[in-house]
N, C-alpha and C. Protein backbone atom coordinates (compact mmCIF):
# COMPACT_ATOMS: atom_id res chain seq x y z
N MET A 1 -33.79 -82.33 -149.45
CA MET A 1 -34.97 -82.63 -149.77
C MET A 1 -35.94 -81.78 -148.76
N LEU A 2 -35.82 -82.03 -147.49
CA LEU A 2 -36.72 -81.09 -146.71
C LEU A 2 -36.62 -79.40 -146.94
N LYS A 3 -35.55 -78.86 -147.24
CA LYS A 3 -35.57 -77.76 -147.85
C LYS A 3 -36.35 -77.32 -148.71
N GLU A 4 -36.17 -78.39 -149.59
CA GLU A 4 -36.86 -77.98 -151.14
C GLU A 4 -38.94 -78.09 -150.84
N MET A 5 -39.08 -79.24 -149.78
CA MET A 5 -40.35 -79.23 -149.36
C MET A 5 -40.84 -77.79 -148.50
N SER A 6 -39.96 -77.43 -147.80
CA SER A 6 -40.42 -76.21 -146.96
C SER A 6 -40.55 -75.07 -147.90
N ASP A 7 -39.83 -75.10 -149.02
CA ASP A 7 -39.88 -73.92 -149.90
C ASP A 7 -41.03 -74.17 -150.60
N PHE A 8 -41.52 -75.18 -151.12
CA PHE A 8 -42.47 -75.87 -152.04
C PHE A 8 -43.55 -75.07 -150.95
N ILE A 9 -43.96 -75.80 -150.01
CA ILE A 9 -45.13 -75.18 -149.21
C ILE A 9 -45.17 -73.83 -148.79
N ALA A 10 -43.77 -73.01 -148.47
CA ALA A 10 -44.23 -71.87 -148.17
C ALA A 10 -44.65 -70.84 -149.40
N ARG A 11 -44.23 -71.27 -150.63
CA ARG A 11 -44.82 -70.51 -152.03
C ARG A 11 -46.60 -70.40 -151.67
N PHE A 12 -47.14 -71.70 -151.15
CA PHE A 12 -48.56 -71.92 -151.20
C PHE A 12 -49.15 -71.21 -149.81
N THR A 13 -48.36 -70.62 -148.94
CA THR A 13 -49.06 -70.32 -147.58
C THR A 13 -49.46 -68.71 -147.98
N TYR A 14 -50.17 -68.16 -147.49
CA TYR A 14 -50.80 -66.83 -147.40
C TYR A 14 -50.17 -66.33 -145.81
N GLN A 15 -49.15 -65.99 -145.68
CA GLN A 15 -48.63 -65.37 -144.30
C GLN A 15 -49.56 -64.44 -143.58
N PRO A 16 -50.38 -63.39 -144.13
CA PRO A 16 -51.41 -62.14 -143.68
C PRO A 16 -52.59 -62.90 -143.19
N LEU A 17 -52.97 -64.44 -144.14
CA LEU A 17 -54.20 -64.93 -143.36
C LEU A 17 -54.04 -65.70 -142.67
N GLN A 18 -52.96 -66.20 -142.20
CA GLN A 18 -52.28 -67.29 -141.04
C GLN A 18 -51.95 -66.16 -139.85
N GLU A 19 -51.74 -65.09 -139.95
CA GLU A 19 -51.29 -64.04 -138.77
C GLU A 19 -52.75 -63.62 -138.36
N ALA A 20 -53.62 -63.45 -139.36
CA ALA A 20 -55.11 -63.06 -138.91
C ALA A 20 -56.06 -64.08 -138.23
N VAL A 21 -55.66 -65.43 -138.40
CA VAL A 21 -56.03 -66.38 -138.19
C VAL A 21 -55.73 -66.61 -136.62
N LYS A 22 -54.42 -66.56 -136.74
CA LYS A 22 -53.88 -66.52 -135.05
C LYS A 22 -54.47 -65.69 -134.38
N GLU A 23 -54.53 -64.59 -134.51
CA GLU A 23 -54.99 -63.22 -133.81
C GLU A 23 -56.41 -63.55 -133.41
N ARG A 24 -56.99 -64.04 -134.09
CA ARG A 24 -58.54 -64.31 -134.02
C ARG A 24 -58.41 -65.23 -133.14
N ILE A 25 -57.71 -66.18 -133.18
CA ILE A 25 -57.87 -67.40 -131.95
C ILE A 25 -57.47 -66.93 -130.40
N ARG A 26 -56.11 -66.14 -130.45
CA ARG A 26 -55.86 -65.72 -129.73
C ARG A 26 -56.81 -64.76 -128.56
N THR A 27 -57.24 -63.80 -129.52
CA THR A 27 -58.48 -62.80 -128.99
C THR A 27 -59.39 -63.77 -128.44
N GLN A 28 -59.89 -64.69 -129.26
CA GLN A 28 -60.81 -65.52 -128.58
C GLN A 28 -60.70 -66.24 -127.48
N ALA A 29 -59.26 -66.73 -127.39
CA ALA A 29 -58.73 -67.40 -126.08
C ALA A 29 -59.10 -66.72 -125.09
N ILE A 30 -58.53 -65.34 -125.26
CA ILE A 30 -58.43 -64.29 -123.77
C ILE A 30 -59.93 -64.35 -123.60
N GLU A 31 -61.36 -64.18 -124.34
CA GLU A 31 -62.40 -63.94 -123.77
C GLU A 31 -62.93 -65.17 -123.14
N ASN A 32 -62.38 -66.04 -123.54
CA ASN A 32 -62.78 -67.60 -123.04
C ASN A 32 -61.89 -67.64 -121.71
N ALA A 33 -60.70 -67.41 -121.25
CA ALA A 33 -60.17 -67.27 -120.36
C ALA A 33 -60.55 -66.51 -119.17
N LYS A 34 -61.21 -64.93 -119.80
CA LYS A 34 -61.41 -64.12 -118.67
C LYS A 34 -63.21 -65.16 -118.31
N ALA A 35 -64.06 -65.25 -119.16
CA ALA A 35 -65.28 -65.94 -118.83
C ALA A 35 -65.14 -67.13 -117.78
N ARG A 36 -63.64 -68.04 -118.01
CA ARG A 36 -63.53 -69.12 -117.10
C ARG A 36 -63.25 -68.38 -115.79
N LEU A 37 -62.44 -67.52 -115.83
CA LEU A 37 -62.15 -67.07 -114.20
C LEU A 37 -63.14 -66.24 -114.00
N ALA A 38 -63.88 -65.60 -114.63
CA ALA A 38 -65.48 -65.10 -114.20
C ALA A 38 -66.42 -66.03 -113.11
N VAL A 39 -66.30 -67.64 -114.03
CA VAL A 39 -67.15 -68.61 -113.56
C VAL A 39 -66.68 -68.98 -112.37
N HIS A 40 -65.33 -68.74 -112.04
CA HIS A 40 -64.69 -69.05 -110.67
C HIS A 40 -64.67 -68.30 -109.70
N HIS A 41 -65.20 -66.97 -110.14
CA HIS A 41 -65.22 -65.85 -108.93
C HIS A 41 -63.77 -65.23 -108.90
N GLN A 42 -63.09 -65.45 -109.76
CA GLN A 42 -61.38 -64.77 -109.65
C GLN A 42 -61.38 -63.75 -110.34
N LYS A 43 -60.24 -63.05 -110.15
CA LYS A 43 -59.81 -61.86 -110.97
C LYS A 43 -58.57 -62.15 -112.00
N LEU A 44 -58.12 -61.28 -112.79
CA LEU A 44 -56.90 -61.28 -113.66
C LEU A 44 -55.82 -60.80 -112.37
N ASP A 45 -56.37 -60.02 -111.67
CA ASP A 45 -54.97 -59.52 -110.32
C ASP A 45 -54.74 -60.97 -109.90
N ASP A 46 -55.70 -62.13 -109.64
CA ASP A 46 -55.31 -63.21 -108.85
C ASP A 46 -54.22 -63.83 -109.42
N TYR A 47 -53.73 -63.96 -110.74
CA TYR A 47 -52.57 -64.50 -111.50
C TYR A 47 -51.66 -63.96 -111.72
N THR A 48 -50.12 -64.50 -111.72
CA THR A 48 -49.15 -64.14 -112.27
C THR A 48 -49.19 -63.93 -113.69
N GLN A 49 -48.37 -63.36 -114.57
CA GLN A 49 -48.39 -63.16 -116.01
C GLN A 49 -48.22 -64.42 -116.84
N GLU A 50 -47.32 -65.22 -115.92
CA GLU A 50 -47.12 -66.71 -116.68
C GLU A 50 -47.97 -67.55 -116.43
N GLU A 51 -48.76 -67.35 -115.18
CA GLU A 51 -50.12 -68.45 -115.12
C GLU A 51 -51.05 -67.97 -116.14
N LEU A 52 -51.33 -66.35 -116.39
CA LEU A 52 -52.42 -66.26 -117.26
C LEU A 52 -51.71 -66.69 -118.65
N GLU A 53 -50.70 -66.51 -118.99
CA GLU A 53 -50.19 -67.04 -120.64
C GLU A 53 -51.04 -68.72 -120.73
N ILE A 54 -50.40 -69.23 -119.15
CA ILE A 54 -50.98 -71.09 -119.60
C ILE A 54 -52.37 -70.94 -120.01
N ILE A 55 -53.19 -70.35 -118.93
CA ILE A 55 -54.50 -70.32 -119.11
C ILE A 55 -54.99 -69.79 -120.52
N ILE A 56 -54.20 -68.60 -121.01
CA ILE A 56 -54.62 -68.77 -122.24
C ILE A 56 -54.07 -69.79 -123.47
N GLU A 57 -53.05 -70.14 -123.28
CA GLU A 57 -52.64 -71.30 -124.03
C GLU A 57 -53.49 -72.33 -124.02
N ASP A 58 -53.85 -73.01 -123.00
CA ASP A 58 -54.69 -74.08 -122.73
C ASP A 58 -56.17 -73.55 -123.54
N GLU A 59 -56.65 -72.76 -123.45
CA GLU A 59 -57.99 -72.08 -124.38
C GLU A 59 -57.95 -71.66 -125.73
N GLU A 60 -56.37 -71.96 -125.89
CA GLU A 60 -56.00 -71.79 -127.91
C GLU A 60 -55.81 -72.94 -128.05
N ARG A 61 -55.38 -73.84 -127.07
CA ARG A 61 -55.58 -75.41 -127.57
C ARG A 61 -57.14 -75.92 -127.80
N LYS A 62 -57.87 -75.62 -126.62
CA LYS A 62 -59.10 -75.90 -127.08
C LYS A 62 -59.80 -75.50 -128.41
N ILE A 63 -59.56 -74.34 -128.75
CA ILE A 63 -60.18 -73.48 -129.78
C ILE A 63 -59.45 -74.29 -131.11
N ILE A 64 -58.60 -74.64 -131.10
CA ILE A 64 -57.54 -75.40 -132.38
C ILE A 64 -58.52 -76.78 -132.49
N ASP A 65 -58.52 -77.40 -131.36
CA ASP A 65 -58.93 -78.79 -131.26
C ASP A 65 -60.74 -78.86 -132.00
N GLY A 66 -61.03 -77.72 -131.51
CA GLY A 66 -62.46 -77.81 -131.95
C GLY A 66 -62.90 -77.44 -133.44
N LEU A 67 -61.96 -76.55 -133.68
CA LEU A 67 -61.71 -76.19 -135.37
C LEU A 67 -61.45 -77.65 -136.07
N LYS A 68 -60.25 -78.35 -135.54
CA LYS A 68 -60.15 -79.92 -136.21
C LYS A 68 -61.39 -80.49 -136.11
N THR A 69 -61.84 -80.82 -135.28
CA THR A 69 -63.29 -81.74 -135.17
C THR A 69 -63.95 -81.31 -136.14
N LYS A 70 -64.45 -79.92 -136.01
CA LYS A 70 -65.45 -79.38 -136.84
C LYS A 70 -64.86 -79.71 -138.33
N SER A 71 -63.96 -79.65 -138.80
CA SER A 71 -63.41 -79.37 -140.28
C SER A 71 -63.35 -81.02 -140.63
N LEU A 72 -62.94 -81.91 -139.74
CA LEU A 72 -63.09 -83.51 -140.28
C LEU A 72 -64.50 -83.83 -140.53
N ILE A 73 -65.52 -83.35 -139.26
CA ILE A 73 -66.97 -83.48 -139.89
C ILE A 73 -67.39 -82.73 -140.97
N ALA A 74 -66.87 -81.67 -141.41
CA ALA A 74 -67.47 -81.29 -142.64
C ALA A 74 -66.92 -82.20 -143.75
N VAL A 75 -65.67 -82.17 -143.73
CA VAL A 75 -65.18 -83.26 -144.73
C VAL A 75 -65.74 -84.61 -144.97
N LEU A 76 -66.13 -85.32 -144.00
CA LEU A 76 -66.76 -86.41 -143.80
C LEU A 76 -68.02 -86.55 -144.45
N SER A 77 -68.90 -85.34 -144.07
CA SER A 77 -70.18 -84.88 -144.72
C SER A 77 -69.85 -84.71 -145.96
N LEU A 78 -69.14 -84.16 -146.25
CA LEU A 78 -68.81 -83.84 -148.00
C LEU A 78 -68.46 -85.05 -148.79
N LEU A 79 -68.23 -86.08 -148.29
CA LEU A 79 -67.76 -87.13 -148.69
C LEU A 79 -68.85 -88.34 -148.17
N GLY A 80 -69.66 -87.60 -148.10
CA GLY A 80 -71.10 -88.54 -147.48
C GLY A 80 -71.12 -89.67 -146.53
N LEU A 81 -69.98 -89.69 -145.53
CA LEU A 81 -69.84 -90.36 -144.35
C LEU A 81 -70.38 -89.65 -143.22
N ASN A 82 -70.93 -90.81 -142.41
CA ASN A 82 -71.57 -90.29 -141.03
C ASN A 82 -70.99 -90.43 -140.13
N LEU A 83 -70.72 -90.03 -138.94
CA LEU A 83 -69.94 -90.66 -137.84
C LEU A 83 -71.12 -91.39 -136.72
N PHE A 84 -72.58 -90.62 -137.07
CA PHE A 84 -73.63 -90.80 -136.18
C PHE A 84 -74.67 -91.65 -136.28
N SER A 85 -74.37 -92.75 -137.26
CA SER A 85 -75.18 -93.80 -137.81
C SER A 85 -75.63 -94.98 -136.86
């Protein structure tokens, strides 16, 4: 049953689009991480590769959470619901 569902979902996903979105999120996360380090007057050389990866993953999570929130607000506004009433 699970295999059938994953096959069904796989037919309706567009892999190049998913990869492009992941790449764009990654690029934005790297820029945000550099800005975050610059605010704290630190350099990339101050961190190991593993620490930088953790910082970038944190920025990716923030971007994805923001997209989820904005998407929810957009769907609710299309349905005519208001969160701020």
